[in-house]
Amino acid sequence: VAGWLEENSGISIAVPDVPYSDKPIPHFTHNGTGYQLLNNLGRAFSITDYIWYPLPDGSLYVGGAEKALFAGRPVEIPAEFSQGTAGGNSMTLPVIQSLRPGVDVNGERVTKVHLTNDTMTITWTPRNRATGQPLQKTPAQRQIESHYPELASGLHLPKLARVVAPSETVKSGNFADPFRPRYAVDVQLLDADGNPDNQTPVYSAVPLPVPMVGNDSGMFQFPPEGTLVEVAFTGGRPDKPFIRQTLPDGTSLPDIKPGEQLQQQRAEVSQRVTQAGDWVRQTDQTISETS
C-alpha cells in the first residue's frame, strides 16, 4: 500500500521494519480519499497504537507509535507558553516546528495541529496507554449515539462469531419461538481481527437460518462447533440476534465447479447436480426411499 501511495502521490512513505509492514491481508480495496486511506490502515493491518503524520523532511510516517520518530521523547510545555486553551483538550501556542500529530505533550498524544499565521493550536485526545485507543468520544459522537445507541455498540453492522455448541436437539412437533428457538446454537462474538470478544459473553440459543422454511419443512443442519457464522441484530437491538449465514473460513472444501450444485455430509456421502444436469448420488451406507 505504501508503494502504491508513493507512486500515485509522489510523497515518500516511511514504514517501520516490523512484521506488519509486509504482512499480506485479503480484500483490501479503497475508493475514498487519501486521508481516509491513511486513517484506516491501522485497522486493516491490526496495528496497535497506529498513527500517521508528516516528518520534517516532507515524507509521511505510517505505523505504530512505538517506532515513530517521537517515540520515547515526551515534550513538556510550561503553562506560560500557552496563549489560550479550549475544551480541556487544546492549547494555542507560538509555532513550534517539531510539534505535530503523534508527539506526546504534557503527557497527552497530539492528534491535530491547526496553523494560523504565527500561532498553532494543538489538540490532544486522552488515550489508553497500552492500545492507543481514545478514552473519550467527541461531543458530536456522544450526541449521535444518545439517539442511535446501536451505532455505539456496532450492532447496525454484521458481526462474526464462532459456534460454541448446539442449543438442544429438535424433535418433530417442537415449535420455535423467540424465548426458545430450539433450532439454534450458542455463539461467541469475535472482534474485527477475528479474536474472541472477551467483553461480550456467549450468546445462547441464537436462531439458525432455514432455507424453504415452513411447518415441518425446510433444510436443516446444525453447524459443527467452531464454525464461523455471521450474526445480525434485528433493528440494532442486542436482545434480537439471529444467524444470517455460515461461512467456510477455516474448513476444508469439497470438489465443486461453477454451474454445479452439491449437498455433501462428508466425502463419501453427497448429492451432486453436474454442469450438464446429471444427478450423482453416492454414500458408503444405504440409500432408502419410501413411496
Foldseek 3Di string as FASTA:
>chain_A
DQVVCCVVPVAHEDEDPDVLVPDDDPDDDDDDDPVVVLVCPCLRSVAFQWDKWADPVGHMYTGHLCPDPQHPPAAEDDPVQFPDDPPVFKTKGFDDPPDIASHHYPNFGWHDWDDDVRMIMTGTFDADPGRNHGPDDDPVVVVVCVVVVLVVVVQQDKWKWFFAAAQADDDQPDPADLVARNQFTKIFTADSVRHGPPVDDIRHGAHEDFPPDDRVDTDDDRDDGGWMFIWHAVVSDPSRIHTPGTDCPPHDDDDDDPQKDKDAPDPQAIWIQDNVGDIDGGHPPDDDDDD
